[in-house]
Amino acid sequence: MTETVAAQTRQSAAVSWLRFVARRLAGVAAVLMVLVVLTFGMIQLIPGDPARAVAGQDASPAQIAEIRRQLGLDQSLFARFGDYVSGLLHGNLGTSFQTGEQVSQIVADRLVFTVELALPAVLIVLLVAVPLGMVVAIATHNGRRRPLDNGFTVATSVAGAIPEYIVGTALVLVFAVLLGLLPAAGAASGAALILPVLAVALGPSCTLARIVRRETTAVLGTDYSRTARGRRLPPLRRYARHALPNLLTSTLTIGGLLLAHLLGGTVVVETVFAWPGLGSKVVEAIAQRDYPVIQGIVLVLGAIAAVLNLFVDVALGFLDPRTLTGKAQS
C-alpha cells in the first residue's frame, strides 16, 4: 500500500513538472514571437535611409536606388518581414548592411565581452545584496537600531535610483581621472573590467538588498523562527538553515526581473566605457542605420533575458514545489 502511494506521488510530481515546464516553454515561445515582431517594427521608426548611409552623402539617386534594391529595401514591408522570419527559422540573423558580415558572427564576437561584463556583475549582486540585506534585517529586527534601518533604506534607495550611465561617469571621474588608479575605457586589461562591472552591479545590488531585508524581516516574524529562537539554536544555524531557504523563493522571483534589468544596464554601461560588447555595437549600428545588426542584437538580448527568467522559474520549482501548480498552498 505504501509503495502504491509513493508511486502515485512520484507520478503526480512528474506530471506537475511536465505541465510546469510546458507552461514556461510556451511563455518563452510567446515572448520570442513578440520580440521578432518588435525588433522588426522598431527599426521602421529609426529616421534616415540606410541605403544612403551605405552609399555615402555624395552618391547619386541612381546609386542609392541600386543599393536599396541590393539590400531588399525596395520590397514591401510585409515581404521584408516574411524574409526576416524565414531567415530566423533557418538560423540566419541576416547580413550587415555596412560590412557584409553575418550578423550571427558579429553577435558571437561581441557576446563574449558582454558575458564577461555581466557575469561578474551578477556574482557581485548576489554576494553583496543577500548577506547585506540579511544582516541589516537581523540587526534591526523588532525596532532595534533605528538609525541603521533608516540609513540603509535611504542609501540603497538613492543609490539604486541613479542611472547606470551616471554611475559609470562618476566612477571614471573619481578612479580614472582624479586618482588615476584604473583605466577609463577599453578592454585592454583585466583592470579595465572593474569600473564597468561596478557601474552595472550597484543599482541591482541596492534593489535586491532592500528586497532581501524586507523578506528576512518577514521570515524572522514567523512561528518557526520564534520556535528556533526558543530552542536556543546557534545563530548561524538558525539564520542559514531556517531563514535563508525560506526567503530565497520570494527573492528569486524578483531576482529574475533584476537579471533582465542588469542585462539592460550592461548594454548602457558598455557605451560609457567603450566596452566592445553588444551594447556598444548596437549603438553604432543605430547610428549607421544597420537594420540587420540592430535586429539581431536586440533579439539575442531579449532571448537571453527570457531564458534567464526560465532558469529562475525552474529554480523556484525546485525550492518551492507549490509553484509548479501556480498556487500557494497554506
C-alpha atoms as a PDB file:
ATOM      1  CA  MET A   1       0.000   0.000   0.000  1.00  0.00           C
ATOM      2  CA  THR A   2       2.807   2.359   0.956  1.00  0.00           C
ATOM      3  CA  GLU A   3       4.655   1.617  -2.306  1.00  0.00           C
ATOM      4  CA  THR A   4       1.479   2.366  -4.286  1.00  0.00           C
ATOM      5  CA  VAL A   5       1.060   5.732  -2.567  1.00  0.00           C
ATOM      6  CA  ALA A   6       4.733   6.559  -3.164  1.00  0.00           C
ATOM      7  CA  ALA A   7       4.432   5.629  -6.850  1.00  0.00           C
ATOM      8  CA  GLN A   8       1.312   7.793  -7.224  1.00  0.00           C
ATOM      9  CA  THR A   9       3.111  10.675  -5.508  1.00  0.00           C
ATOM     10  CA  ARG A  10       6.076  10.382  -7.877  1.00  0.00           C
ATOM     11  CA  GLN A  11       3.757  10.171 -10.873  1.00  0.00           C
ATOM     12  CA  SER A  12       1.835  13.241  -9.711  1.00  0.00           C
ATOM     13  CA  ALA A  13       5.109  15.149  -9.216  1.00  0.00           C
ATOM     14  CA  ALA A  14       6.291  14.157 -12.703  1.00  0.00           C
ATOM     15  CA  VAL A  15       3.015  15.318 -14.252  1.00  0.00           C
ATOM     16  CA  SER A  16       3.227  18.594 -12.350  1.00  0.00           C
ATOM     17  CA  TRP A  17       6.775  19.140 -13.625  1.00  0.00           C
ATOM     18  CA  LEU A  18       5.783  18.367 -17.210  1.00  0.00           C
ATOM     19  CA  ARG A  19       2.887  20.824 -17.070  1.00  0.00           C
ATOM     20  CA  PHE A  20       5.081  23.424 -15.382  1.00  0.00           C
ATOM     21  CA  VAL A  21       7.849  23.123 -17.993  1.00  0.00           C
ATOM     22  CA  ALA A  22       5.299  23.151 -20.842  1.00  0.00           C
ATOM     23  CA  ARG A  23       3.737  26.369 -19.495  1.00  0.00           C
ATOM     24  CA  ARG A  24       7.108  28.036 -19.106  1.00  0.00           C
ATOM     25  CA  LEU A  25       8.325  26.961 -22.549  1.00  0.00           C
ATOM     26  CA  ALA A  26       5.084  28.207 -24.092  1.00  0.00           C
ATOM     27  CA  GLY A  27       5.649  31.524 -22.325  1.00  0.00           C
ATOM     28  CA  VAL A  28       9.208  31.767 -23.667  1.00  0.00           C
ATOM     29  CA  ALA A  29       7.964  30.950 -27.177  1.00  0.00           C
ATOM     30  CA  ALA A  30       5.329  33.696 -26.918  1.00  0.00           C
ATOM     31  CA  VAL A  31       7.943  36.179 -25.724  1.00  0.00           C
ATOM     32  CA  LEU A  32      10.228  35.295 -28.629  1.00  0.00           C
ATOM     33  CA  MET A  33       7.410  35.754 -31.155  1.00  0.00           C
ATOM     34  CA  VAL A  34       6.623  39.172 -29.714  1.00  0.00           C
ATOM     35  CA  LEU A  35      10.337  40.027 -29.824  1.00  0.00           C
ATOM     36  CA  VAL A  36      10.526  39.110 -33.507  1.00  0.00           C
ATOM     37  CA  VAL A  37       7.652  41.455 -34.319  1.00  0.00           C
ATOM     38  CA  LEU A  38       9.002  44.254 -32.135  1.00  0.00           C
ATOM     39  CA  THR A  39      12.575  44.022 -33.411  1.00  0.00           C
ATOM     40  CA  PHE A  40      11.337  44.269 -36.977  1.00  0.00           C
ATOM     41  CA  GLY A  41       8.826  47.011 -36.263  1.00  0.00           C
ATOM     42  CA  MET A  42      11.066  49.254 -34.185  1.00  0.00           C
ATOM     43  CA  ILE A  43      13.678  49.743 -36.904  1.00  0.00           C
ATOM     44  CA  GLN A  44      10.992  51.178 -39.172  1.00  0.00           C
ATOM     45  CA  LEU A  45      10.828  54.081 -36.704  1.00  0.00           C
ATOM     46  CA  ILE A  46      14.531  54.905 -36.988  1.00  0.00           C
ATOM     47  CA  PRO A  47      14.845  58.094 -39.073  1.00  0.00           C
ATOM     48  CA  GLY A  48      17.107  58.138 -42.108  1.00  0.00           C
ATOM     49  CA  ASP A  49      17.727  55.998 -45.162  1.00  0.00           C
ATOM     50  CA  PRO A  50      20.070  53.022 -44.642  1.00  0.00           C
ATOM     51  CA  ALA A  51      20.788  52.929 -48.368  1.00  0.00           C
ATOM     52  CA  ARG A  52      22.113  56.488 -48.223  1.00  0.00           C
ATOM     53  CA  ALA A  53      24.155  55.623 -45.127  1.00  0.00           C
ATOM     54  CA  VAL A  54      25.782  52.779 -47.081  1.00  0.00           C
ATOM     55  CA  ALA A  55      26.255  54.755 -50.297  1.00  0.00           C
ATOM     56  CA  GLY A  56      27.558  57.923 -48.681  1.00  0.00           C
ATOM     57  CA  GLN A  57      26.446  61.531 -48.927  1.00  0.00           C
ATOM     58  CA  ASP A  58      27.896  62.030 -52.433  1.00  0.00           C
ATOM     59  CA  ALA A  59      26.024  59.118 -54.025  1.00  0.00           C
ATOM     60  CA  SER A  60      23.646  59.805 -56.885  1.00  0.00           C
ATOM     61  CA  PRO A  61      19.941  58.917 -56.716  1.00  0.00           C
ATOM     62  CA  ALA A  62      20.582  56.051 -59.156  1.00  0.00           C
ATOM     63  CA  GLN A  63      23.307  54.608 -56.930  1.00  0.00           C
ATOM     64  CA  ILE A  64      21.101  54.883 -53.854  1.00  0.00           C
ATOM     65  CA  ALA A  65      18.239  53.179 -55.694  1.00  0.00           C
ATOM     66  CA  GLU A  66      20.554  50.327 -56.715  1.00  0.00           C
ATOM     67  CA  ILE A  67      21.755  49.857 -53.151  1.00  0.00           C
ATOM     68  CA  ARG A  68      18.168  49.835 -51.912  1.00  0.00           C
ATOM     69  CA  ARG A  69      17.445  47.062 -54.412  1.00  0.00           C
ATOM     70  CA  GLN A  70      20.524  45.079 -53.315  1.00  0.00           C
ATOM     71  CA  LEU A  71      19.567  45.405 -49.646  1.00  0.00           C
ATOM     72  CA  GLY A  72      15.953  44.425 -50.357  1.00  0.00           C
ATOM     73  CA  LEU A  73      14.649  47.767 -49.109  1.00  0.00           C
ATOM     74  CA  ASP A  74      12.631  48.278 -52.276  1.00  0.00           C
ATOM     75  CA  GLN A  75      10.261  45.457 -51.280  1.00  0.00           C
ATOM     76  CA  SER A  76       7.040  45.949 -49.372  1.00  0.00           C
ATOM     77  CA  LEU A  77       7.027  45.909 -45.581  1.00  0.00           C
ATOM     78  CA  PHE A  78       5.243  42.537 -45.463  1.00  0.00           C
ATOM     79  CA  ALA A  79       7.693  40.996 -47.949  1.00  0.00           C
ATOM     80  CA  ARG A  80      10.649  42.166 -45.859  1.00  0.00           C
ATOM     81  CA  PHE A  81       9.034  40.819 -42.686  1.00  0.00           C
ATOM     82  CA  GLY A  82       8.456  37.462 -44.398  1.00  0.00           C
ATOM     83  CA  ASP A  83      12.117  37.321 -45.448  1.00  0.00           C
ATOM     84  CA  TYR A  84      13.169  38.235 -41.911  1.00  0.00           C
ATOM     85  CA  VAL A  85      11.079  35.489 -40.300  1.00  0.00           C
ATOM     86  CA  SER A  86      12.151  32.954 -42.925  1.00  0.00           C
ATOM     87  CA  GLY A  87      15.794  33.730 -42.213  1.00  0.00           C
ATOM     88  CA  LEU A  88      15.270  33.337 -38.464  1.00  0.00           C
ATOM     89  CA  LEU A  89      13.626  29.956 -38.949  1.00  0.00           C
ATOM     90  CA  HIS A  90      16.749  28.862 -40.831  1.00  0.00           C
ATOM     91  CA  GLY A  91      19.057  30.244 -38.130  1.00  0.00           C
ATOM     92  CA  ASN A  92      20.057  33.264 -40.198  1.00  0.00           C
ATOM     93  CA  LEU A  93      20.061  36.650 -38.449  1.00  0.00           C
ATOM     94  CA  GLY A  94      20.876  38.446 -41.678  1.00  0.00           C
ATOM     95  CA  THR A  95      23.854  40.309 -43.103  1.00  0.00           C
ATOM     96  CA  SER A  96      25.220  43.671 -42.013  1.00  0.00           C
ATOM     97  CA  PHE A  97      24.398  46.494 -44.427  1.00  0.00           C
ATOM     98  CA  GLN A  98      27.707  48.196 -43.675  1.00  0.00           C
ATOM     99  CA  THR A  99      30.282  45.376 -43.650  1.00  0.00           C
ATOM    100  CA  GLY A 100      28.553  42.426 -45.295  1.00  0.00           C
ATOM    101  CA  GLU A 101      29.358  40.229 -42.270  1.00  0.00           C
ATOM    102  CA  GLN A 102      26.906  37.688 -40.961  1.00  0.00           C
ATOM    103  CA  VAL A 103      25.045  39.181 -38.018  1.00  0.00           C
ATOM    104  CA  SER A 104      25.348  35.863 -36.168  1.00  0.00           C
ATOM    105  CA  GLN A 105      29.142  36.185 -36.336  1.00  0.00           C
ATOM    106  CA  ILE A 106      29.046  39.783 -35.124  1.00  0.00           C
ATOM    107  CA  VAL A 107      26.834  38.756 -32.212  1.00  0.00           C
ATOM    108  CA  ALA A 108      29.096  35.807 -31.348  1.00  0.00           C
ATOM    109  CA  ASP A 109      32.209  38.001 -31.354  1.00  0.00           C
ATOM    110  CA  ARG A 110      30.630  40.705 -29.194  1.00  0.00           C
ATOM    111  CA  LEU A 111      28.608  38.460 -26.873  1.00  0.00           C
ATOM    112  CA  VAL A 112      31.791  37.183 -25.242  1.00  0.00           C
ATOM    113  CA  PHE A 113      32.592  40.682 -23.966  1.00  0.00           C
ATOM    114  CA  THR A 114      29.038  41.291 -22.760  1.00  0.00           C
ATOM    115  CA  VAL A 115      29.062  38.000 -20.819  1.00  0.00           C
ATOM    116  CA  GLU A 116      32.494  38.877 -19.437  1.00  0.00           C
ATOM    117  CA  LEU A 117      30.937  42.043 -18.030  1.00  0.00           C
ATOM    118  CA  ALA A 118      27.565  40.636 -16.930  1.00  0.00           C
ATOM    119  CA  LEU A 119      28.709  37.507 -15.052  1.00  0.00           C
ATOM    120  CA  PRO A 120      30.963  39.280 -12.512  1.00  0.00           C
ATOM    121  CA  ALA A 121      28.203  41.841 -12.023  1.00  0.00           C
ATOM    122  CA  VAL A 122      25.694  39.085 -11.226  1.00  0.00           C
ATOM    123  CA  LEU A 123      28.117  37.494  -8.748  1.00  0.00           C
ATOM    124  CA  ILE A 124      28.684  40.837  -7.028  1.00  0.00           C
ATOM    125  CA  VAL A 125      24.940  41.461  -6.787  1.00  0.00           C
ATOM    126  CA  LEU A 126      24.321  38.062  -5.185  1.00  0.00           C
ATOM    127  CA  LEU A 127      27.371  38.064  -2.890  1.00  0.00           C
ATOM    128  CA  VAL A 128      26.715  41.617  -1.662  1.00  0.00           C
ATOM    129  CA  ALA A 129      22.948  42.050  -1.665  1.00  0.00           C
ATOM    130  CA  VAL A 130      21.834  38.816   0.027  1.00  0.00           C
ATOM    131  CA  PRO A 131      24.225  38.947   3.031  1.00  0.00           C
ATOM    132  CA  LEU A 132      23.807  42.719   3.396  1.00  0.00           C
ATOM    133  CA  GLY A 133      20.020  42.543   3.397  1.00  0.00           C
ATOM    134  CA  MET A 134      20.001  39.674   5.902  1.00  0.00           C
ATOM    135  CA  VAL A 135      22.496  41.352   8.260  1.00  0.00           C
ATOM    136  CA  VAL A 136      20.551  44.626   8.304  1.00  0.00           C
ATOM    137  CA  ALA A 137      17.245  42.813   8.854  1.00  0.00           C
ATOM    138  CA  ILE A 138      18.693  40.784  11.743  1.00  0.00           C
ATOM    139  CA  ALA A 139      20.371  43.818  13.293  1.00  0.00           C
ATOM    140  CA  THR A 140      17.221  45.963  13.115  1.00  0.00           C
ATOM    141  CA  HIS A 141      14.621  43.296  13.959  1.00  0.00           C
ATOM    142  CA  ASN A 142      11.900  44.326  16.426  1.00  0.00           C
ATOM    143  CA  GLY A 143      12.684  48.026  16.003  1.00  0.00           C
ATOM    144  CA  ARG A 144      16.306  47.867  17.125  1.00  0.00           C
ATOM    145  CA  ARG A 145      18.977  50.201  15.711  1.00  0.00           C
ATOM    146  CA  ARG A 146      16.525  52.533  14.033  1.00  0.00           C
ATOM    147  CA  PRO A 147      19.267  54.835  12.638  1.00  0.00           C
ATOM    148  CA  LEU A 148      20.849  51.854  10.833  1.00  0.00           C
ATOM    149  CA  ASP A 149      17.468  50.889   9.375  1.00  0.00           C
ATOM    150  CA  ASN A 150      16.746  54.418   8.159  1.00  0.00           C
ATOM    151  CA  GLY A 151      20.262  54.913   6.819  1.00  0.00           C
ATOM    152  CA  PHE A 152      20.166  51.623   4.926  1.00  0.00           C
ATOM    153  CA  THR A 153      16.790  52.437   3.367  1.00  0.00           C
ATOM    154  CA  VAL A 154      17.812  55.936   2.277  1.00  0.00           C
ATOM    155  CA  ALA A 155      21.244  54.898   0.977  1.00  0.00           C
ATOM    156  CA  THR A 156      20.001  51.935  -1.068  1.00  0.00           C
ATOM    157  CA  SER A 157      17.011  53.863  -2.416  1.00  0.00           C
ATOM    158  CA  VAL A 158      19.138  56.775  -3.615  1.00  0.00           C
ATOM    159  CA  ALA A 159      21.998  54.646  -4.987  1.00  0.00           C
ATOM    160  CA  GLY A 160      19.599  52.241  -6.676  1.00  0.00           C
ATOM    161  CA  ALA A 161      17.768  55.060  -8.446  1.00  0.00           C
ATOM    162  CA  ILE A 162      20.863  56.551 -10.104  1.00  0.00           C
ATOM    163  CA  PRO A 163      21.052  55.572 -13.810  1.00  0.00           C
ATOM    164  CA  GLU A 164      23.953  53.338 -14.809  1.00  0.00           C
ATOM    165  CA  TYR A 165      25.492  55.871 -17.172  1.00  0.00           C
ATOM    166  CA  ILE A 166      25.685  58.461 -14.381  1.00  0.00           C
ATOM    167  CA  VAL A 167      27.262  55.917 -12.034  1.00  0.00           C
ATOM    168  CA  GLY A 168      29.743  54.951 -14.734  1.00  0.00           C
ATOM    169  CA  THR A 169      30.643  58.575 -15.468  1.00  0.00           C
ATOM    170  CA  ALA A 170      31.157  59.289 -11.762  1.00  0.00           C
ATOM    171  CA  LEU A 171      33.387  56.219 -11.357  1.00  0.00           C
ATOM    172  CA  VAL A 172      35.507  57.291 -14.325  1.00  0.00           C
ATOM    173  CA  LEU A 173      35.838  60.809 -12.925  1.00  0.00           C
ATOM    174  CA  VAL A 174      36.961  59.610  -9.487  1.00  0.00           C
ATOM    175  CA  PHE A 175      39.030  56.490 -10.130  1.00  0.00           C
ATOM    176  CA  ALA A 176      40.379  57.162 -13.628  1.00  0.00           C
ATOM    177  CA  VAL A 177      40.666  60.957 -13.939  1.00  0.00           C
ATOM    178  CA  LEU A 178      41.235  62.211 -10.384  1.00  0.00           C
ATOM    179  CA  LEU A 179      43.016  59.237  -8.794  1.00  0.00           C
ATOM    180  CA  GLY A 180      44.416  57.602 -11.933  1.00  0.00           C
ATOM    181  CA  LEU A 181      44.007  54.136 -10.419  1.00  0.00           C
ATOM    182  CA  LEU A 182      42.022  52.389 -13.160  1.00  0.00           C
ATOM    183  CA  PRO A 183      41.580  52.618 -16.947  1.00  0.00           C
ATOM    184  CA  ALA A 184      38.768  54.872 -18.091  1.00  0.00           C
ATOM    185  CA  ALA A 185      37.691  52.770 -21.078  1.00  0.00           C
ATOM    186  CA  GLY A 186      38.515  49.862 -23.365  1.00  0.00           C
ATOM    187  CA  ALA A 187      39.158  46.179 -22.694  1.00  0.00           C
ATOM    188  CA  ALA A 188      42.937  46.029 -22.918  1.00  0.00           C
ATOM    189  CA  SER A 189      43.441  44.596 -19.417  1.00  0.00           C
ATOM    190  CA  GLY A 190      41.633  42.939 -16.558  1.00  0.00           C
ATOM    191  CA  ALA A 191      41.711  46.207 -14.613  1.00  0.00           C
ATOM    192  CA  ALA A 192      39.543  47.795 -17.305  1.00  0.00           C
ATOM    193  CA  LEU A 193      36.719  45.469 -16.220  1.00  0.00           C
ATOM    194  CA  ILE A 194      36.475  46.799 -12.665  1.00  0.00           C
ATOM    195  CA  LEU A 195      34.714  50.118 -13.221  1.00  0.00           C
ATOM    196  CA  PRO A 196      32.084  48.904 -15.717  1.00  0.00           C
ATOM    197  CA  VAL A 197      31.264  45.914 -13.508  1.00  0.00           C
ATOM    198  CA  LEU A 198      30.769  48.189 -10.508  1.00  0.00           C
ATOM    199  CA  ALA A 199      28.612  50.543 -12.588  1.00  0.00           C
ATOM    200  CA  VAL A 200      26.386  47.653 -13.672  1.00  0.00           C
ATOM    201  CA  ALA A 201      26.152  45.997 -10.247  1.00  0.00           C
ATOM    202  CA  LEU A 202      25.452  48.998  -7.993  1.00  0.00           C
ATOM    203  CA  GLY A 203      21.775  49.561  -8.808  1.00  0.00           C
ATOM    204  CA  PRO A 204      20.632  45.905  -8.753  1.00  0.00           C
ATOM    205  CA  SER A 205      22.653  45.286  -5.564  1.00  0.00           C
ATOM    206  CA  CYS A 206      20.820  48.076  -3.761  1.00  0.00           C
ATOM    207  CA  THR A 207      17.424  46.964  -5.039  1.00  0.00           C
ATOM    208  CA  LEU A 208      17.976  43.304  -4.162  1.00  0.00           C
ATOM    209  CA  ALA A 209      19.399  44.185  -0.739  1.00  0.00           C
ATOM    210  CA  ARG A 210      16.184  46.068   0.118  1.00  0.00           C
ATOM    211  CA  ILE A 211      14.103  43.094  -1.024  1.00  0.00           C
ATOM    212  CA  VAL A 212      16.195  40.624   0.999  1.00  0.00           C
ATOM    213  CA  ARG A 213      15.983  42.877   4.035  1.00  0.00           C
ATOM    214  CA  ARG A 214      12.172  43.025   3.797  1.00  0.00           C
ATOM    215  CA  GLU A 215      11.794  39.280   3.218  1.00  0.00           C
ATOM    216  CA  THR A 216      14.203  38.411   6.042  1.00  0.00           C
ATOM    217  CA  THR A 217      12.223  40.609   8.422  1.00  0.00           C
ATOM    218  CA  ALA A 218       9.045  38.746   7.419  1.00  0.00           C
ATOM    219  CA  VAL A 219      10.719  35.352   7.912  1.00  0.00           C
ATOM    220  CA  LEU A 220      12.071  36.333  11.353  1.00  0.00           C
ATOM    221  CA  GLY A 221       8.497  37.070  12.446  1.00  0.00           C
ATOM    222  CA  THR A 222       7.153  33.605  11.575  1.00  0.00           C
ATOM    223  CA  ASP A 223       6.269  30.930  14.118  1.00  0.00           C
ATOM    224  CA  TYR A 224       9.052  28.549  13.104  1.00  0.00           C
ATOM    225  CA  SER A 225      11.664  31.312  13.525  1.00  0.00           C
ATOM    226  CA  ARG A 226      10.364  32.074  17.009  1.00  0.00           C
ATOM    227  CA  THR A 227      10.419  28.356  17.793  1.00  0.00           C
ATOM    228  CA  ALA A 228      14.032  28.109  16.617  1.00  0.00           C
ATOM    229  CA  ARG A 229      14.966  31.032  18.877  1.00  0.00           C
ATOM    230  CA  GLY A 230      13.094  29.407  21.759  1.00  0.00           C
ATOM    231  CA  ARG A 231      15.128  26.213  21.296  1.00  0.00           C
ATOM    232  CA  ARG A 232      18.269  28.366  21.548  1.00  0.00           C
ATOM    233  CA  LEU A 233      19.735  27.141  18.272  1.00  0.00           C
ATOM    234  CA  PRO A 234      23.071  28.743  17.302  1.00  0.00           C
ATOM    235  CA  PRO A 235      22.503  31.977  15.316  1.00  0.00           C
ATOM    236  CA  LEU A 236      24.409  30.770  12.251  1.00  0.00           C
ATOM    237  CA  ARG A 237      22.339  27.596  12.046  1.00  0.00           C
ATOM    238  CA  ARG A 238      19.120  29.473  12.747  1.00  0.00           C
ATOM    239  CA  TYR A 239      19.634  32.052  10.018  1.00  0.00           C
ATOM    240  CA  ALA A 240      21.425  29.941   7.395  1.00  0.00           C
ATOM    241  CA  ARG A 241      19.263  26.831   7.742  1.00  0.00           C
ATOM    242  CA  HIS A 242      15.867  28.250   8.629  1.00  0.00           C
ATOM    243  CA  ALA A 243      15.734  31.852   7.396  1.00  0.00           C
ATOM    244  CA  LEU A 244      17.774  31.786   4.176  1.00  0.00           C
ATOM    245  CA  PRO A 245      15.953  28.930   2.353  1.00  0.00           C
ATOM    246  CA  ASN A 246      12.556  30.437   3.129  1.00  0.00           C
ATOM    247  CA  LEU A 247      13.378  33.930   1.875  1.00  0.00           C
ATOM    248  CA  LEU A 248      15.059  32.690  -1.315  1.00  0.00           C
ATOM    249  CA  THR A 249      11.764  31.847  -3.024  1.00  0.00           C
ATOM    250  CA  SER A 250      10.363  35.357  -2.969  1.00  0.00           C
ATOM    251  CA  THR A 251      13.817  36.849  -3.511  1.00  0.00           C
ATOM    252  CA  LEU A 252      14.406  34.770  -6.637  1.00  0.00           C
ATOM    253  CA  THR A 253      11.046  35.839  -8.047  1.00  0.00           C
ATOM    254  CA  ILE A 254      12.147  39.471  -8.022  1.00  0.00           C
ATOM    255  CA  GLY A 255      15.719  38.474  -8.830  1.00  0.00           C
ATOM    256  CA  GLY A 256      14.645  37.185 -12.243  1.00  0.00           C
ATOM    257  CA  LEU A 257      13.369  40.650 -13.133  1.00  0.00           C
ATOM    258  CA  LEU A 258      16.575  42.192 -11.805  1.00  0.00           C
ATOM    259  CA  LEU A 259      18.638  39.940 -14.076  1.00  0.00           C
ATOM    260  CA  ALA A 260      16.853  41.325 -17.109  1.00  0.00           C
ATOM    261  CA  HIS A 261      17.377  44.849 -15.780  1.00  0.00           C
ATOM    262  CA  LEU A 262      21.047  44.101 -15.182  1.00  0.00           C
ATOM    263  CA  LEU A 263      21.401  42.916 -18.767  1.00  0.00           C
ATOM    264  CA  GLY A 264      19.938  46.200 -19.989  1.00  0.00           C
ATOM    265  CA  GLY A 265      22.274  48.103 -17.684  1.00  0.00           C
ATOM    266  CA  THR A 266      25.206  46.230 -19.177  1.00  0.00           C
ATOM    267  CA  VAL A 267      24.262  47.496 -22.634  1.00  0.00           C
ATOM    268  CA  VAL A 268      24.191  51.115 -21.392  1.00  0.00           C
ATOM    269  CA  VAL A 269      27.459  50.862 -19.465  1.00  0.00           C
ATOM    270  CA  GLU A 270      29.294  49.382 -22.445  1.00  0.00           C
ATOM    271  CA  THR A 271      28.761  52.625 -24.312  1.00  0.00           C
ATOM    272  CA  VAL A 272      30.096  54.723 -21.424  1.00  0.00           C
ATOM    273  CA  PHE A 273      33.277  52.646 -21.096  1.00  0.00           C
ATOM    274  CA  ALA A 274      33.768  51.892 -24.819  1.00  0.00           C
ATOM    275  CA  TRP A 275      33.492  48.212 -23.932  1.00  0.00           C
ATOM    276  CA  PRO A 276      33.413  46.131 -27.152  1.00  0.00           C
ATOM    277  CA  GLY A 277      30.235  44.211 -26.348  1.00  0.00           C
ATOM    278  CA  LEU A 278      26.758  44.031 -27.811  1.00  0.00           C
ATOM    279  CA  GLY A 279      25.689  47.316 -26.249  1.00  0.00           C
ATOM    280  CA  SER A 280      28.300  49.498 -27.904  1.00  0.00           C
ATOM    281  CA  LYS A 281      27.765  47.652 -31.182  1.00  0.00           C
ATOM    282  CA  VAL A 282      24.013  48.238 -31.235  1.00  0.00           C
ATOM    283  CA  VAL A 283      24.552  51.958 -30.591  1.00  0.00           C
ATOM    284  CA  GLU A 284      26.985  52.032 -33.508  1.00  0.00           C
ATOM    285  CA  ALA A 285      24.512  50.127 -35.693  1.00  0.00           C
ATOM    286  CA  ILE A 286      21.706  52.575 -34.875  1.00  0.00           C
ATOM    287  CA  ALA A 287      23.902  55.485 -35.948  1.00  0.00           C
ATOM    288  CA  GLN A 288      24.668  53.677 -39.232  1.00  0.00           C
ATOM    289  CA  ARG A 289      21.056  52.504 -39.826  1.00  0.00           C
ATOM    290  CA  ASP A 290      22.367  48.959 -39.988  1.00  0.00           C
ATOM    291  CA  TYR A 291      18.973  47.257 -39.609  1.00  0.00           C
ATOM    292  CA  PRO A 292      20.042  43.586 -39.533  1.00  0.00           C
ATOM    293  CA  VAL A 293      22.637  44.202 -36.801  1.00  0.00           C
ATOM    294  CA  ILE A 294      20.140  46.131 -34.670  1.00  0.00           C
ATOM    295  CA  GLN A 295      17.513  43.424 -35.091  1.00  0.00           C
ATOM    296  CA  GLY A 296      19.935  40.601 -34.371  1.00  0.00           C
ATOM    297  CA  ILE A 297      21.421  42.106 -31.206  1.00  0.00           C
ATOM    298  CA  VAL A 298      18.092  43.171 -29.700  1.00  0.00           C
ATOM    299  CA  LEU A 299      16.579  39.766 -30.485  1.00  0.00           C
ATOM    300  CA  VAL A 300      19.521  37.905 -28.916  1.00  0.00           C
ATOM    301  CA  LEU A 301      19.484  40.071 -25.782  1.00  0.00           C
ATOM    302  CA  GLY A 302      15.732  39.590 -25.436  1.00  0.00           C
ATOM    303  CA  ALA A 303      16.083  35.828 -25.875  1.00  0.00           C
ATOM    304  CA  ILE A 304      18.821  35.715 -23.221  1.00  0.00           C
ATOM    305  CA  ALA A 305      16.590  37.603 -20.776  1.00  0.00           C
ATOM    306  CA  ALA A 306      13.707  35.183 -21.463  1.00  0.00           C
ATOM    307  CA  VAL A 307      15.929  32.139 -20.935  1.00  0.00           C
ATOM    308  CA  LEU A 308      17.348  33.577 -17.697  1.00  0.00           C
ATOM    309  CA  ASN A 309      13.841  34.018 -16.349  1.00  0.00           C
ATOM    310  CA  LEU A 310      13.055  30.436 -17.394  1.00  0.00           C
ATOM    311  CA  PHE A 311      16.022  29.212 -15.335  1.00  0.00           C
ATOM    312  CA  VAL A 312      14.804  31.272 -12.376  1.00  0.00           C
ATOM    313  CA  ASP A 313      11.333  29.700 -12.679  1.00  0.00           C
ATOM    314  CA  VAL A 314      12.857  26.213 -12.729  1.00  0.00           C
ATOM    315  CA  ALA A 315      14.953  27.041  -9.653  1.00  0.00           C
ATOM    316  CA  LEU A 316      11.797  28.232  -7.897  1.00  0.00           C
ATOM    317  CA  GLY A 317      10.137  24.940  -8.802  1.00  0.00           C
ATOM    318  CA  PHE A 318      12.898  23.035  -7.013  1.00  0.00           C
ATOM    319  CA  LEU A 319      12.902  25.341  -3.984  1.00  0.00           C
ATOM    320  CA  ASP A 320       9.116  25.551  -3.628  1.00  0.00           C
ATOM    321  CA  PRO A 321       7.132  22.758  -5.365  1.00  0.00           C
ATOM    322  CA  ARG A 322       3.934  24.744  -4.774  1.00  0.00           C
ATOM    323  CA  THR A 323       4.932  26.993  -7.677  1.00  0.00           C
ATOM    324  CA  LEU A 324       4.597  24.051 -10.054  1.00  0.00           C
ATOM    325  CA  THR A 325       0.823  24.383  -9.946  1.00  0.00           C
ATOM    326  CA  GLY A 326       0.859  28.175  -9.836  1.00  0.00           C
ATOM    327  CA  LYS A 327      -0.868  28.102  -6.455  1.00  0.00           C
ATOM    328  CA  ALA A 328       0.490  28.619  -2.981  1.00  0.00           C
ATOM    329  CA  GLN A 329      -0.844  26.168  -0.503  1.00  0.00           C
ATOM    330  CA  SER A 330      -1.392  27.308   3.036  1.00  0.00           C
END
